Structures are given as C-alpha cells and as structure tokens.
Amino acid sequence: MSREPNSHTNGLPRGFARMEPSKQREIARKGGANVPHEKRSFAQNRKLASEAGRKGGRHVAPQARSFSQNRALAAEAGRKGGRIAQQRRANSATPHTGTDTEQ
C-alpha cells in the first residue's frame, strides 16, 4: 500500500496555516458567531460552566499551579503580556515598511 507524501515530511504548511493572512483573520474574527446563543451550553447553564472549570483545575497538580504558588511569577507574566500587547498595538498603528520580520 503506497502512502502519499504528507506536508510534515516536506515542510509545507497545510490547511489554516496555508491560507492568506487576511482570510485567517476573517475566520478568526467570526469566532463562535455561527453558534446560536441558545445552543451554547455554558451560556445557558452557569452551574455547568462552573463545574467544568473546577474539573479542569483539579486535573492540575498543586505543585504545577505555578501562578497560585508564586504571585511574583504571576505578576511578571501579566506585565510581560501587557508589554507585548502594547508593542503589537503600537506596531499595527505604524505603517509596515517590510524591513522587519514579525513572528
């Protein structure tokens, strides 16, 4: 049985990663908008949502909950995220010259 080459072996992007960035943004912007509000179970049942969050939290060992164990680490992570978000906003406000590489 022969196998077709897959993109993991040749390094080419597939699916969503292969789309034009503008198309990716359009899809991402829509988010869950196609799901009607009444079909969103967590929107209808807050107790269900709360229990799901608790279940997820119980699956993380206390020693692995680094932010709950180390407030300084949590604060630094928040500051770092804020700085990055601020830089992204500043970069998107300025015209792109095409000389820098953005990741």
Protein backbone atom coordinates (compact mmCIF):
# COMPACT_ATOMS: atom_id res chain seq x y z
CA MET A 1 0.00 0.00 0.00
CA SER A 2 1.59 3.29 -1.05
CA ARG A 3 1.33 6.40 1.06
CA GLU A 4 1.03 9.89 -0.31
CA PRO A 5 3.69 12.28 0.90
CA ASN A 6 2.38 14.47 3.67
CA SER A 7 3.31 18.03 4.44
CA HIS A 8 5.03 17.08 7.68
CA THR A 9 7.80 15.49 5.69
CA ASN A 10 8.19 18.24 3.11
CA GLY A 11 7.72 21.18 5.49
CA LEU A 12 4.88 22.89 3.61
CA PRO A 13 2.05 24.42 5.63
CA ARG A 14 -1.40 22.87 5.37
CA GLY A 15 -4.95 23.93 5.99
CA PHE A 16 -5.43 27.10 8.01
CA ALA A 17 -1.68 27.81 8.04
CA ARG A 18 -1.62 27.86 4.24
CA MET A 19 -4.41 30.45 3.92
CA GLU A 20 -3.78 34.09 3.23
CA PRO A 21 -3.37 36.05 6.49
CA SER A 22 -6.41 38.20 5.65
CA LYS A 23 -8.57 35.08 5.25
CA GLN A 24 -7.23 33.70 8.55
CA ARG A 25 -8.15 36.95 10.31
CA GLU A 26 -11.63 36.91 8.76
CA ILE A 27 -12.27 33.37 10.01
CA ALA A 28 -10.79 34.04 13.46
CA ARG A 29 -12.85 37.22 13.85
CA LYS A 30 -16.06 35.24 13.39
CA GLY A 31 -15.21 33.01 16.34
CA GLY A 32 -18.29 31.21 17.62
CA ALA A 33 -20.69 33.64 15.98
CA ASN A 34 -22.28 30.86 13.91
CA VAL A 35 -23.42 29.02 17.04
CA PRO A 36 -26.75 30.45 18.23
CA HIS A 37 -26.78 31.65 21.83
CA GLU A 38 -29.35 29.04 22.87
CA LYS A 39 -27.07 26.24 21.64
CA ARG A 40 -24.12 27.37 23.78
CA SER A 41 -24.49 25.11 26.79
CA PHE A 42 -22.28 27.15 29.10
CA ALA A 43 -24.21 30.31 28.25
CA GLN A 44 -27.43 28.54 29.25
CA ASN A 45 -26.15 26.78 32.35
CA ARG A 46 -23.69 28.69 34.52
CA LYS A 47 -23.50 25.81 37.01
CA LEU A 48 -22.35 23.51 34.20
CA ALA A 49 -19.66 26.01 33.21
CA SER A 50 -18.54 26.43 36.79
CA GLU A 51 -18.29 22.67 37.35
CA ALA A 52 -16.33 22.23 34.10
CA GLY A 53 -13.82 24.83 35.29
CA ARG A 54 -13.44 23.11 38.64
CA LYS A 55 -12.91 19.73 36.96
CA GLY A 56 -10.19 21.19 34.77
CA GLY A 57 -8.47 22.75 37.75
CA ARG A 58 -8.50 19.50 39.71
CA HIS A 59 -6.51 17.80 36.97
CA VAL A 60 -3.53 20.07 37.57
CA ALA A 61 -1.32 19.01 40.45
CA PRO A 62 -0.95 21.71 43.13
CA GLN A 63 2.82 21.87 42.61
CA ALA A 64 2.22 22.53 38.88
CA ARG A 65 0.00 25.55 39.60
CA SER A 66 2.91 27.93 39.45
CA PHE A 67 0.87 31.12 39.43
CA SER A 68 -1.12 30.15 42.50
CA GLN A 69 2.11 29.21 44.28
CA ASN A 70 4.16 32.20 43.17
CA ARG A 71 2.40 35.57 42.98
CA ALA A 72 5.56 37.32 41.80
CA LEU A 73 5.76 34.94 38.83
CA ALA A 74 2.11 35.64 38.01
CA ALA A 75 2.65 39.39 38.24
CA GLU A 76 5.69 39.27 35.99
CA ALA A 77 3.81 37.17 33.42
CA GLY A 78 0.99 39.72 33.42
CA ARG A 79 3.41 42.59 32.93
CA LYS A 80 5.16 40.74 30.12
CA GLY A 81 1.85 40.06 28.37
CA GLY A 82 0.86 43.69 28.75
CA ARG A 83 4.13 44.92 27.26
CA ILE A 84 3.82 42.57 24.30
CA ALA A 85 0.20 43.61 23.66
CA GLN A 86 1.21 47.27 23.84
CA GLN A 87 4.06 46.70 21.36
CA ARG A 88 1.71 44.91 18.97
CA ARG A 89 -0.79 47.74 19.11
CA ALA A 90 1.97 50.28 18.51
CA ASN A 91 3.35 48.27 15.59
CA SER A 92 -0.06 47.88 13.96
CA ALA A 93 -0.62 51.64 14.21
CA THR A 94 2.53 52.43 12.24
CA PRO A 95 2.77 51.68 8.52
CA HIS A 96 4.58 48.44 7.76
CA THR A 97 7.83 49.06 5.89
CA GLY A 98 8.54 45.42 5.07
CA THR A 99 12.04 45.57 6.51
CA ASP A 100 11.41 43.92 9.86
CA THR A 101 10.50 40.29 10.43
CA GLU A 102 7.41 39.77 12.51
CA GLN A 103 6.61 36.49 14.22
